[in-house]
Amino acid sequence: MSSSGRSWTVDGIAHALPHSELRATFMREITFTDVHDLPAVLDRWVSFIETFEADRERVEDLRTAVRGSGHLPSSYRAGLIDLSAEELRSAAGDDSRGRGAA
């Protein structure tokens, strides 16, 4: 059980990861990790998810700000999980290279 009180399974961790690349990395890592080292690896991934979820509201606020003004607010301070201005613009559907978001 994690610090949030939620019980985690390998499948639950994989589904909670926000991007397919992270899910693939997670699955590759647990597949090739020695069984004795798995608890530490799983704890690290659970910690990542919990940190990401705790920062979700801040990231959504930044995404909204970028969508509205095209740049990060002057009050922006980098956090543990950081997104670049380009990533936020892309997520807001504004690709400065002239292409729409996929």
N, C-alpha and C. Protein backbone atom coordinates (compact mmCIF):
# COMPACT_ATOMS: atom_id res chain seq x y z
N MET A 1 0.85 -1.18 0.00
CA MET A 1 0.00 0.00 0.00
C MET A 1 0.90 1.24 0.00
N SER A 2 0.48 2.27 -0.71
CA SER A 2 1.29 3.47 -0.85
C SER A 2 0.94 4.49 0.23
N SER A 3 1.65 5.63 0.16
CA SER A 3 1.40 6.69 1.13
C SER A 3 -0.01 7.26 0.97
N SER A 4 -0.61 7.10 -0.19
CA SER A 4 -1.97 7.60 -0.42
C SER A 4 -3.02 6.65 0.14
N GLY A 5 -2.59 5.46 0.58
CA GLY A 5 -3.52 4.47 1.10
C GLY A 5 -4.11 3.58 0.02
N ARG A 6 -3.74 3.82 -1.21
CA ARG A 6 -4.25 3.02 -2.34
C ARG A 6 -3.40 1.77 -2.50
N SER A 7 -4.06 0.65 -2.73
CA SER A 7 -3.34 -0.59 -3.04
C SER A 7 -3.04 -0.60 -4.53
N TRP A 8 -1.82 -0.95 -4.88
CA TRP A 8 -1.39 -0.93 -6.28
C TRP A 8 -1.11 -2.33 -6.79
N THR A 9 -1.45 -2.57 -8.04
CA THR A 9 -1.05 -3.78 -8.76
C THR A 9 -0.18 -3.33 -9.93
N VAL A 10 0.52 -4.27 -10.55
CA VAL A 10 1.32 -3.93 -11.73
C VAL A 10 0.40 -3.34 -12.80
N ASP A 11 -0.75 -3.94 -13.02
CA ASP A 11 -1.70 -3.44 -14.01
C ASP A 11 -2.21 -2.05 -13.64
N GLY A 12 -2.48 -1.84 -12.35
CA GLY A 12 -2.95 -0.54 -11.89
C GLY A 12 -1.92 0.56 -12.10
N ILE A 13 -0.66 0.23 -11.84
CA ILE A 13 0.42 1.19 -12.07
C ILE A 13 0.49 1.52 -13.56
N ALA A 14 0.49 0.50 -14.40
CA ALA A 14 0.59 0.72 -15.85
C ALA A 14 -0.55 1.60 -16.35
N HIS A 15 -1.77 1.35 -15.89
CA HIS A 15 -2.91 2.15 -16.35
C HIS A 15 -2.89 3.57 -15.79
N ALA A 16 -2.25 3.79 -14.67
CA ALA A 16 -2.20 5.13 -14.08
C ALA A 16 -1.15 6.02 -14.72
N LEU A 17 -0.23 5.44 -15.47
CA LEU A 17 0.82 6.23 -16.12
C LEU A 17 0.20 7.06 -17.25
N PRO A 18 0.56 8.34 -17.33
CA PRO A 18 -0.14 9.25 -18.24
C PRO A 18 0.21 9.14 -19.72
N HIS A 19 1.25 8.42 -20.09
CA HIS A 19 1.66 8.34 -21.49
C HIS A 19 2.05 6.92 -21.86
N SER A 20 1.78 6.55 -23.08
CA SER A 20 2.09 5.19 -23.54
C SER A 20 3.59 4.89 -23.46
N GLU A 21 4.43 5.91 -23.69
CA GLU A 21 5.87 5.70 -23.59
C GLU A 21 6.28 5.33 -22.17
N LEU A 22 5.64 5.98 -21.19
CA LEU A 22 5.93 5.65 -19.79
C LEU A 22 5.46 4.24 -19.46
N ARG A 23 4.29 3.87 -19.97
CA ARG A 23 3.80 2.51 -19.72
C ARG A 23 4.75 1.47 -20.30
N ALA A 24 5.25 1.72 -21.51
CA ALA A 24 6.19 0.79 -22.13
C ALA A 24 7.48 0.71 -21.33
N THR A 25 7.97 1.85 -20.87
CA THR A 25 9.20 1.87 -20.07
C THR A 25 8.99 1.11 -18.77
N PHE A 26 7.85 1.35 -18.12
CA PHE A 26 7.53 0.65 -16.87
C PHE A 26 7.49 -0.86 -17.09
N MET A 27 6.77 -1.30 -18.12
CA MET A 27 6.64 -2.73 -18.37
C MET A 27 8.00 -3.36 -18.70
N ARG A 28 8.80 -2.66 -19.47
CA ARG A 28 10.13 -3.16 -19.80
C ARG A 28 10.98 -3.27 -18.52
N GLU A 29 10.91 -2.24 -17.69
CA GLU A 29 11.72 -2.23 -16.47
C GLU A 29 11.33 -3.36 -15.52
N ILE A 30 10.04 -3.56 -15.30
CA ILE A 30 9.66 -4.62 -14.36
C ILE A 30 9.89 -6.00 -14.94
N THR A 31 9.82 -6.12 -16.25
CA THR A 31 10.05 -7.41 -16.89
C THR A 31 11.50 -7.86 -16.74
N PHE A 32 12.43 -6.93 -16.81
CA PHE A 32 13.85 -7.28 -16.79
C PHE A 32 14.54 -7.02 -15.45
N THR A 33 13.76 -6.70 -14.41
CA THR A 33 14.33 -6.45 -13.08
C THR A 33 14.35 -7.75 -12.28
N ASP A 34 15.43 -7.96 -11.57
CA ASP A 34 15.54 -9.11 -10.67
C ASP A 34 14.38 -9.08 -9.67
N VAL A 35 13.81 -10.21 -9.39
CA VAL A 35 12.65 -10.31 -8.48
C VAL A 35 12.93 -9.65 -7.13
N HIS A 36 14.13 -9.77 -6.63
CA HIS A 36 14.47 -9.20 -5.32
C HIS A 36 14.50 -7.67 -5.36
N ASP A 37 14.69 -7.10 -6.54
CA ASP A 37 14.73 -5.64 -6.69
C ASP A 37 13.38 -5.04 -7.07
N LEU A 38 12.40 -5.88 -7.35
CA LEU A 38 11.09 -5.39 -7.80
C LEU A 38 10.40 -4.44 -6.81
N PRO A 39 10.40 -4.72 -5.50
CA PRO A 39 9.71 -3.80 -4.59
C PRO A 39 10.20 -2.35 -4.70
N ALA A 40 11.50 -2.16 -4.80
CA ALA A 40 12.04 -0.80 -4.92
C ALA A 40 11.63 -0.15 -6.24
N VAL A 41 11.65 -0.93 -7.31
CA VAL A 41 11.26 -0.41 -8.63
C VAL A 41 9.78 -0.03 -8.61
N LEU A 42 8.95 -0.90 -8.08
CA LEU A 42 7.52 -0.62 -8.01
C LEU A 42 7.23 0.60 -7.13
N ASP A 43 7.92 0.71 -6.00
CA ASP A 43 7.75 1.87 -5.12
C ASP A 43 8.10 3.17 -5.85
N ARG A 44 9.15 3.13 -6.65
CA ARG A 44 9.57 4.33 -7.39
C ARG A 44 8.50 4.75 -8.39
N TRP A 45 7.91 3.79 -9.09
CA TRP A 45 6.87 4.11 -10.07
C TRP A 45 5.60 4.62 -9.37
N VAL A 46 5.23 4.02 -8.26
CA VAL A 46 4.06 4.49 -7.50
C VAL A 46 4.30 5.92 -7.03
N SER A 47 5.49 6.20 -6.54
CA SER A 47 5.83 7.55 -6.10
C SER A 47 5.71 8.54 -7.26
N PHE A 48 6.18 8.16 -8.43
CA PHE A 48 6.06 9.02 -9.61
C PHE A 48 4.60 9.33 -9.91
N ILE A 49 3.75 8.31 -9.90
CA ILE A 49 2.33 8.51 -10.20
C ILE A 49 1.68 9.42 -9.16
N GLU A 50 1.98 9.20 -7.89
CA GLU A 50 1.39 10.02 -6.84
C GLU A 50 1.83 11.48 -6.96
N THR A 51 3.08 11.70 -7.31
CA THR A 51 3.58 13.07 -7.51
C THR A 51 2.90 13.70 -8.71
N PHE A 52 2.77 12.94 -9.79
CA PHE A 52 2.11 13.44 -10.99
C PHE A 52 0.67 13.82 -10.68
N GLU A 53 -0.05 12.95 -10.00
CA GLU A 53 -1.45 13.22 -9.67
C GLU A 53 -1.58 14.43 -8.76
N ALA A 54 -0.67 14.58 -7.81
CA ALA A 54 -0.72 15.73 -6.91
C ALA A 54 -0.50 17.04 -7.66
N ASP A 55 0.25 16.99 -8.75
CA ASP A 55 0.56 18.19 -9.54
C ASP A 55 -0.40 18.41 -10.71
N ARG A 56 -1.36 17.52 -10.88
CA ARG A 56 -2.25 17.59 -12.05
C ARG A 56 -2.97 18.94 -12.15
N GLU A 57 -3.50 19.44 -11.06
CA GLU A 57 -4.25 20.70 -11.10
C GLU A 57 -3.34 21.85 -11.55
N ARG A 58 -2.11 21.89 -11.04
CA ARG A 58 -1.16 22.93 -11.43
C ARG A 58 -0.86 22.85 -12.93
N VAL A 59 -0.67 21.65 -13.43
CA VAL A 59 -0.38 21.46 -14.85
C VAL A 59 -1.57 21.90 -15.70
N GLU A 60 -2.78 21.55 -15.27
CA GLU A 60 -3.97 21.96 -16.02
C GLU A 60 -4.12 23.48 -16.01
N ASP A 61 -3.82 24.12 -14.88
CA ASP A 61 -3.87 25.59 -14.82
C ASP A 61 -2.86 26.21 -15.78
N LEU A 62 -1.65 25.63 -15.84
CA LEU A 62 -0.64 26.12 -16.78
C LEU A 62 -1.08 25.92 -18.22
N ARG A 63 -1.67 24.78 -18.50
CA ARG A 63 -2.15 24.50 -19.86
C ARG A 63 -3.21 25.53 -20.27
N THR A 64 -4.11 25.85 -19.35
CA THR A 64 -5.15 26.84 -19.63
C THR A 64 -4.52 28.21 -19.87
N ALA A 65 -3.54 28.58 -19.07
CA ALA A 65 -2.87 29.87 -19.24
C ALA A 65 -2.17 29.96 -20.59
N VAL A 66 -1.49 28.90 -20.99
CA VAL A 66 -0.80 28.88 -22.28
C VAL A 66 -1.81 28.92 -23.42
N ARG A 67 -2.90 28.20 -23.27
CA ARG A 67 -3.94 28.20 -24.31
C ARG A 67 -4.49 29.62 -24.50
N GLY A 68 -4.63 30.36 -23.40
CA GLY A 68 -5.20 31.71 -23.47
C GLY A 68 -4.23 32.77 -23.94
N SER A 69 -2.99 32.71 -23.49
CA SER A 69 -2.05 33.81 -23.79
C SER A 69 -0.89 33.41 -24.68
N GLY A 70 -0.65 32.12 -24.85
CA GLY A 70 0.46 31.68 -25.68
C GLY A 70 1.79 31.59 -24.95
N HIS A 71 1.80 31.91 -23.66
CA HIS A 71 3.05 31.81 -22.90
C HIS A 71 2.76 31.47 -21.44
N LEU A 72 3.79 31.04 -20.75
CA LEU A 72 3.65 30.71 -19.33
C LEU A 72 3.44 31.98 -18.52
N PRO A 73 2.67 31.91 -17.44
CA PRO A 73 2.48 33.09 -16.60
C PRO A 73 3.79 33.48 -15.91
N SER A 74 3.94 34.76 -15.62
CA SER A 74 5.17 35.24 -14.98
C SER A 74 5.36 34.63 -13.60
N SER A 75 4.29 34.16 -12.99
CA SER A 75 4.38 33.54 -11.66
C SER A 75 4.80 32.08 -11.72
N TYR A 76 4.99 31.54 -12.94
CA TYR A 76 5.34 30.12 -13.09
C TYR A 76 6.66 29.79 -12.42
N ARG A 77 6.65 28.73 -11.64
CA ARG A 77 7.86 28.20 -11.00
C ARG A 77 7.90 26.71 -11.31
N ALA A 78 9.05 26.25 -11.74
CA ALA A 78 9.21 24.84 -12.09
C ALA A 78 8.97 23.96 -10.87
N GLY A 79 8.33 22.83 -11.10
CA GLY A 79 8.10 21.86 -10.05
C GLY A 79 8.82 20.57 -10.36
N LEU A 80 8.56 19.56 -9.57
CA LEU A 80 9.20 18.27 -9.76
C LEU A 80 8.87 17.69 -11.14
N ILE A 81 7.62 17.79 -11.52
CA ILE A 81 7.21 17.35 -12.85
C ILE A 81 7.01 18.60 -13.66
N ASP A 82 7.91 18.82 -14.60
CA ASP A 82 7.96 20.07 -15.32
C ASP A 82 7.58 19.86 -16.78
N LEU A 83 6.88 20.80 -17.32
CA LEU A 83 6.54 20.78 -18.74
C LEU A 83 7.14 22.01 -19.39
N SER A 84 7.66 21.85 -20.58
CA SER A 84 8.20 23.00 -21.30
C SER A 84 7.05 23.80 -21.90
N ALA A 85 7.35 25.03 -22.27
CA ALA A 85 6.34 25.87 -22.92
C ALA A 85 5.85 25.21 -24.20
N GLU A 86 6.75 24.56 -24.94
CA GLU A 86 6.36 23.88 -26.18
C GLU A 86 5.38 22.74 -25.89
N GLU A 87 5.64 21.97 -24.83
CA GLU A 87 4.73 20.87 -24.48
C GLU A 87 3.35 21.40 -24.11
N LEU A 88 3.31 22.51 -23.37
CA LEU A 88 2.03 23.10 -22.99
C LEU A 88 1.29 23.64 -24.21
N ARG A 89 2.00 24.31 -25.13
CA ARG A 89 1.37 24.82 -26.35
C ARG A 89 0.80 23.66 -27.17
N SER A 90 1.58 22.59 -27.28
CA SER A 90 1.14 21.43 -28.03
C SER A 90 -0.12 20.83 -27.41
N ALA A 91 -0.12 20.71 -26.09
CA ALA A 91 -1.28 20.15 -25.39
C ALA A 91 -2.49 21.06 -25.52
N ALA A 92 -2.24 22.37 -25.69
CA ALA A 92 -3.34 23.32 -25.84
C ALA A 92 -3.84 23.37 -27.28
N GLY A 93 -3.17 22.64 -28.19
CA GLY A 93 -3.59 22.59 -29.58
C GLY A 93 -3.00 23.69 -30.42
N ASP A 94 -1.94 24.36 -29.94
CA ASP A 94 -1.31 25.46 -30.67
C ASP A 94 0.13 25.08 -30.97
N ASP A 95 0.38 24.64 -32.19
CA ASP A 95 1.74 24.27 -32.60
C ASP A 95 2.34 25.46 -33.34
N SER A 96 3.37 26.06 -32.78
CA SER A 96 3.97 27.27 -33.36
C SER A 96 4.62 27.02 -34.70
N ARG A 97 4.79 25.77 -35.10
CA ARG A 97 5.38 25.48 -36.40
C ARG A 97 4.30 25.44 -37.49
N GLY A 98 3.08 25.78 -37.13
CA GLY A 98 2.03 25.87 -38.13
C GLY A 98 1.19 24.61 -38.30
N ARG A 99 1.45 23.60 -37.52
CA ARG A 99 0.67 22.37 -37.60
C ARG A 99 -0.22 22.29 -36.36
N GLY A 100 -1.38 21.75 -36.52
CA GLY A 100 -2.28 21.56 -35.39
C GLY A 100 -1.82 20.39 -34.54
N ALA A 101 -2.30 20.33 -33.33
CA ALA A 101 -1.96 19.22 -32.44
C ALA A 101 -2.56 17.94 -32.99
N ALA A 102 -1.87 16.85 -32.81
CA ALA A 102 -2.33 15.55 -33.32
C ALA A 102 -3.41 14.99 -32.44
